[in-house]
Amino acid sequence: MKKNGFTLIELLAVIVILSVLAVITTPIITSSINASKNAAYERQKEMIVKAAEEYVGENAISYNKNAVCVTKLISEGYLKDDDMKNPSDKNENMKEGCAKTTFNSSGKNYTYEYKKKADCNSISDKDC
């Protein structure tokens, strides 16, 4: 008599092997996805800071604030009006943030840092 199928033991062995592989690879894939989201967020922050540097450089004579709103950078054409959401935290809209500028009197230049909306509350709407 010819045997044309798999036995129950063979099927169970394959299922067990696939389950073990899934258990091993799932955390690796998840951490890789999270790392890429964090890297994308950092790149977006760097892009905002670079746009703020360019804005302040081109408007140095009239610039006398301590931050540049992302919405201002978008409206002035320094950033594209793309959906700027934090890939790690979908609730954070990066358009509501700002690039804080600190004047370094010893070096006579500015330092820049992206801040979330909560850290930009001191900026009035007319400055944006």
Protein backbone atom coordinates (compact mmCIF):
# COMPACT_ATOMS: atom_id res chain seq x y z
CA MET A 1 0.00 0.00 0.00
CA LYS A 2 1.29 3.43 -1.03
CA LYS A 3 1.46 6.25 1.47
CA ASN A 4 0.45 9.63 -0.13
CA GLY A 5 0.32 12.05 2.80
CA PHE A 6 2.03 13.22 5.93
CA THR A 7 1.57 11.65 9.30
CA LEU A 8 0.24 13.59 12.23
CA ILE A 9 3.68 13.52 13.89
CA GLU A 10 5.31 15.07 10.80
CA LEU A 11 2.71 17.84 10.67
CA LEU A 12 3.10 18.55 14.38
CA ALA A 13 6.89 18.70 13.99
CA VAL A 14 6.59 21.28 11.21
CA ILE A 15 4.14 23.35 13.25
CA VAL A 16 6.46 23.29 16.27
CA ILE A 17 9.46 24.35 14.15
CA LEU A 18 7.50 27.24 12.59
CA SER A 19 6.26 28.33 16.02
CA VAL A 20 9.79 28.39 17.43
CA LEU A 21 10.98 30.46 14.47
CA ALA A 22 8.08 32.90 14.94
CA VAL A 23 8.84 33.27 18.66
CA ILE A 24 12.51 33.97 17.92
CA THR A 25 12.04 36.40 15.05
CA THR A 26 9.08 38.47 16.33
CA PRO A 27 11.06 40.49 18.96
CA ILE A 28 13.88 41.05 16.49
CA ILE A 29 11.52 42.40 13.84
CA THR A 30 9.65 44.54 16.37
CA SER A 31 12.82 46.15 17.72
CA SER A 32 14.04 46.76 14.17
CA ILE A 33 10.78 48.54 13.29
CA ASN A 34 10.96 50.67 16.45
CA ALA A 35 14.58 51.59 15.74
CA SER A 36 13.69 52.71 12.22
CA LYS A 37 10.80 54.82 13.56
CA ASN A 38 13.13 56.50 16.06
CA ALA A 39 15.70 57.13 13.32
CA ALA A 40 13.00 58.70 11.12
CA TYR A 41 11.95 60.95 14.01
CA GLU A 42 15.55 62.07 14.56
CA ARG A 43 15.91 62.83 10.83
CA GLN A 44 12.74 64.93 10.92
CA LYS A 45 14.08 66.86 13.93
CA GLU A 46 17.37 67.46 12.11
CA MET A 47 15.48 68.67 9.04
CA ILE A 48 13.53 71.16 11.17
CA VAL A 49 16.72 72.42 12.82
CA LYS A 50 18.45 72.85 9.44
CA ALA A 51 15.44 74.79 8.12
CA ALA A 52 15.52 77.01 11.23
CA GLU A 53 19.24 77.66 10.73
CA GLU A 54 18.59 78.69 7.14
CA TYR A 55 15.63 80.87 8.16
CA VAL A 56 17.60 82.70 10.86
CA GLY A 57 20.58 83.08 8.54
CA GLU A 58 18.48 84.70 5.84
CA ASN A 59 16.53 86.86 8.31
CA ALA A 60 19.38 87.69 10.69
CA ILE A 61 18.74 91.42 10.63
CA SER A 62 15.11 91.18 11.69
CA TYR A 63 15.32 87.98 13.78
CA ASN A 64 15.16 88.69 17.52
CA LYS A 65 13.13 85.80 18.92
CA ASN A 66 14.07 82.70 20.88
CA ALA A 67 12.33 80.17 18.62
CA VAL A 68 11.00 79.57 15.13
CA CYS A 69 7.69 77.74 14.77
CA VAL A 70 7.57 74.84 12.34
CA THR A 71 4.41 76.37 10.84
CA LYS A 72 6.43 79.52 10.08
CA LEU A 73 9.13 77.45 8.38
CA ILE A 74 6.45 75.74 6.27
CA SER A 75 4.68 78.98 5.33
CA GLU A 76 7.99 80.63 4.38
CA GLY A 77 8.95 77.65 2.18
CA TYR A 78 11.82 76.28 4.25
CA LEU A 79 9.99 73.00 4.86
CA LYS A 80 7.50 71.10 2.74
CA ASP A 81 3.95 70.93 4.01
CA ASP A 82 4.05 67.18 4.45
CA ASP A 83 2.37 65.32 7.25
CA MET A 84 4.99 65.74 9.96
CA LYS A 85 3.89 63.27 12.58
CA ASN A 86 6.25 61.54 14.93
CA PRO A 87 6.58 57.98 13.57
CA SER A 88 7.00 56.65 17.12
CA ASP A 89 4.10 58.64 18.58
CA LYS A 90 1.27 59.26 16.11
CA ASN A 91 -0.35 61.74 18.53
CA GLU A 92 2.51 64.24 18.22
CA ASN A 93 2.08 66.58 15.30
CA MET A 94 5.52 67.98 14.63
CA LYS A 95 4.00 71.00 12.84
CA GLU A 96 3.00 72.30 16.26
CA GLY A 97 6.59 72.26 17.53
CA CYS A 98 9.36 74.80 17.20
CA ALA A 99 13.09 75.15 16.82
CA LYS A 100 14.45 76.87 19.92
CA THR A 101 17.30 79.23 19.25
CA THR A 102 19.85 80.18 21.87
CA PHE A 103 22.32 82.97 21.20
CA ASN A 104 25.83 82.05 22.24
CA SER A 105 27.44 85.40 23.03
CA SER A 106 30.96 83.98 23.29
CA GLY A 107 30.81 82.38 19.86
CA LYS A 108 28.43 85.03 18.50
CA ASN A 109 26.19 82.43 16.91
CA TYR A 110 22.98 80.53 17.56
CA THR A 111 22.45 76.97 18.71
CA TYR A 112 19.28 75.22 17.63
CA GLU A 113 17.16 72.44 19.09
CA TYR A 114 13.75 71.03 18.13
CA LYS A 115 11.15 71.21 20.90
CA LYS A 116 7.69 69.68 21.13
CA LYS A 117 4.53 71.78 21.35
CA ALA A 118 4.48 71.79 25.16
CA ASP A 119 7.94 73.38 25.24
CA CYS A 120 6.92 76.08 22.72
CA ASN A 121 4.00 77.55 24.65
CA SER A 122 5.97 80.73 25.44
CA ILE A 123 5.89 81.69 21.74
CA SER A 124 2.95 83.84 20.76
CA ASP A 125 0.86 83.00 17.71
CA LYS A 126 1.87 86.25 15.99
CA ASP A 127 5.53 85.11 16.06
CA CYS A 128 4.55 82.01 14.13
